[in-house]
Amino acid sequence: MKQRKEIKGSLLKDVKKIEKTGDLLIDLGVIDDKFHKEAPKECIKCNSDDFFGLEILGAGLGPIFWVCNKCDKKVMKYSKRTTLRYLNEASELYSSPNDWDNFPYQEDN
């Protein structure tokens, strides 16, 4: 049986931290260049194995980050270059969560 990972959707502006460093990934809380196509088996910050996929609306299809449910550490699903390209595509998107039909939803791994 395939394990199901929870997917959460958000707008880019809602995920950014308050401080602005000029580096979009740092502003999002991503501090390293490592990426994982699948959710990591263990968080390098707190050793938890509980992750969810974070989808930024307008930034590709599906989640582009894995987020630790225990400490909120974000890990990229794609390379830094690809992640930044997807995030730039989503930077001007506006939507009202009241208009969303299916968030959060589940995706088979």
Protein backbone atom coordinates (compact mmCIF):
# COMPACT_ATOMS: atom_id res chain seq x y z
CA MET A 1 0.00 0.00 0.00
CA LYS A 2 1.30 3.46 -0.89
CA GLN A 3 1.77 5.94 1.92
CA ARG A 4 -0.18 9.18 1.54
CA LYS A 5 1.44 12.52 2.30
CA GLU A 6 -0.67 15.52 3.19
CA ILE A 7 -0.43 18.47 0.80
CA LYS A 8 -1.09 22.01 2.01
CA GLY A 9 -1.65 24.91 -0.36
CA SER A 10 -0.66 28.50 0.17
CA LEU A 11 0.14 31.71 -1.64
CA LEU A 12 3.78 32.75 -1.84
CA LYS A 13 3.14 35.98 0.08
CA ASP A 14 1.64 33.98 2.96
CA VAL A 15 4.69 31.73 3.32
CA LYS A 16 7.38 34.43 3.40
CA LYS A 17 8.85 35.47 6.72
CA ILE A 18 8.51 39.12 7.76
CA GLU A 19 12.18 40.05 7.32
CA LYS A 20 13.37 40.58 3.76
CA THR A 21 16.96 39.61 3.05
CA GLY A 22 16.89 39.95 -0.73
CA ASP A 23 17.17 36.16 -1.06
CA LEU A 24 13.74 34.66 -1.68
CA LEU A 25 14.64 31.20 -0.39
CA ILE A 26 16.09 32.57 2.86
CA ASP A 27 12.96 34.72 3.24
CA LEU A 28 10.96 31.49 2.96
CA GLY A 29 13.07 29.78 5.62
CA VAL A 30 15.06 27.53 3.25
CA ILE A 31 18.65 27.64 4.44
CA ASP A 32 20.39 24.98 2.34
CA ASP A 33 20.62 23.95 -1.31
CA LYS A 34 19.78 20.27 -0.79
CA PHE A 35 16.65 18.99 -2.47
CA HIS A 36 14.64 15.76 -2.25
CA LYS A 37 12.23 14.46 -4.92
CA GLU A 38 10.50 12.48 -2.16
CA ALA A 39 9.87 13.60 1.42
CA PRO A 40 13.04 13.11 3.48
CA LYS A 41 13.14 10.14 5.79
CA GLU A 42 14.34 12.32 8.67
CA CYS A 43 14.57 16.04 9.42
CA ILE A 44 18.18 17.18 9.78
CA LYS A 45 17.11 19.78 12.35
CA CYS A 46 14.93 17.76 14.77
CA ASN A 47 15.14 14.13 13.49
CA SER A 48 11.36 13.90 12.96
CA ASP A 49 10.06 11.71 10.12
CA ASP A 50 6.76 13.62 9.82
CA PHE A 51 6.69 15.83 6.70
CA PHE A 52 3.98 17.38 4.54
CA GLY A 53 4.17 18.75 1.01
CA LEU A 54 3.74 22.52 0.63
CA GLU A 55 2.25 23.67 -2.65
CA ILE A 56 2.67 27.32 -3.55
CA LEU A 57 -0.24 28.20 -5.80
CA GLY A 58 0.97 29.17 -9.25
CA ALA A 59 4.42 27.62 -8.68
CA GLY A 60 4.29 24.50 -10.81
CA LEU A 61 2.04 21.53 -10.13
CA GLY A 62 2.03 19.97 -6.70
CA PRO A 63 4.26 20.66 -3.72
CA ILE A 64 7.63 22.36 -4.19
CA PHE A 65 8.72 22.07 -0.54
CA TRP A 66 8.66 19.36 2.09
CA VAL A 67 7.98 20.82 5.55
CA CYS A 68 8.71 19.13 8.86
CA ASN A 69 5.53 18.98 10.94
CA LYS A 70 7.54 19.22 14.16
CA CYS A 71 9.98 22.13 13.56
CA ASP A 72 8.72 23.69 10.26
CA LYS A 73 12.07 23.21 8.45
CA LYS A 74 11.49 23.52 4.69
CA VAL A 75 13.35 21.36 2.19
CA MET A 76 13.21 21.96 -1.57
CA LYS A 77 11.68 19.28 -3.76
CA TYR A 78 13.54 20.59 -6.83
CA SER A 79 16.94 22.17 -7.48
CA LYS A 80 17.45 25.75 -6.35
CA ARG A 81 17.29 27.00 -9.95
CA THR A 82 14.00 25.20 -10.68
CA THR A 83 12.49 26.19 -7.32
CA LEU A 84 13.29 29.87 -7.92
CA ARG A 85 11.82 29.70 -11.43
CA TYR A 86 8.57 28.25 -10.04
CA LEU A 87 8.46 30.83 -7.23
CA ASN A 88 9.01 33.70 -9.64
CA GLU A 89 6.04 32.46 -11.70
CA ALA A 90 3.89 32.60 -8.55
CA SER A 91 5.13 35.94 -7.20
CA GLU A 92 2.29 38.02 -8.69
CA LEU A 93 -0.54 35.54 -8.06
CA TYR A 94 -3.46 36.61 -5.90
CA SER A 95 -6.29 34.40 -4.76
CA SER A 96 -8.79 34.23 -1.95
CA PRO A 97 -8.70 30.99 0.09
CA ASN A 98 -12.52 31.21 0.19
CA ASP A 99 -12.48 30.42 -3.54
CA TRP A 100 -10.51 27.19 -3.12
CA ASP A 101 -12.48 23.97 -3.58
CA ASN A 102 -10.06 21.27 -2.52
CA PHE A 103 -7.40 22.43 -0.04
CA PRO A 104 -5.92 20.66 1.74
CA TYR A 105 -6.08 17.50 -0.33
CA GLN A 106 -4.25 14.19 -0.30
CA GLU A 107 -1.86 12.87 -2.94
CA ASP A 108 -0.59 9.32 -3.36
CA ASN A 109 3.20 8.92 -3.15
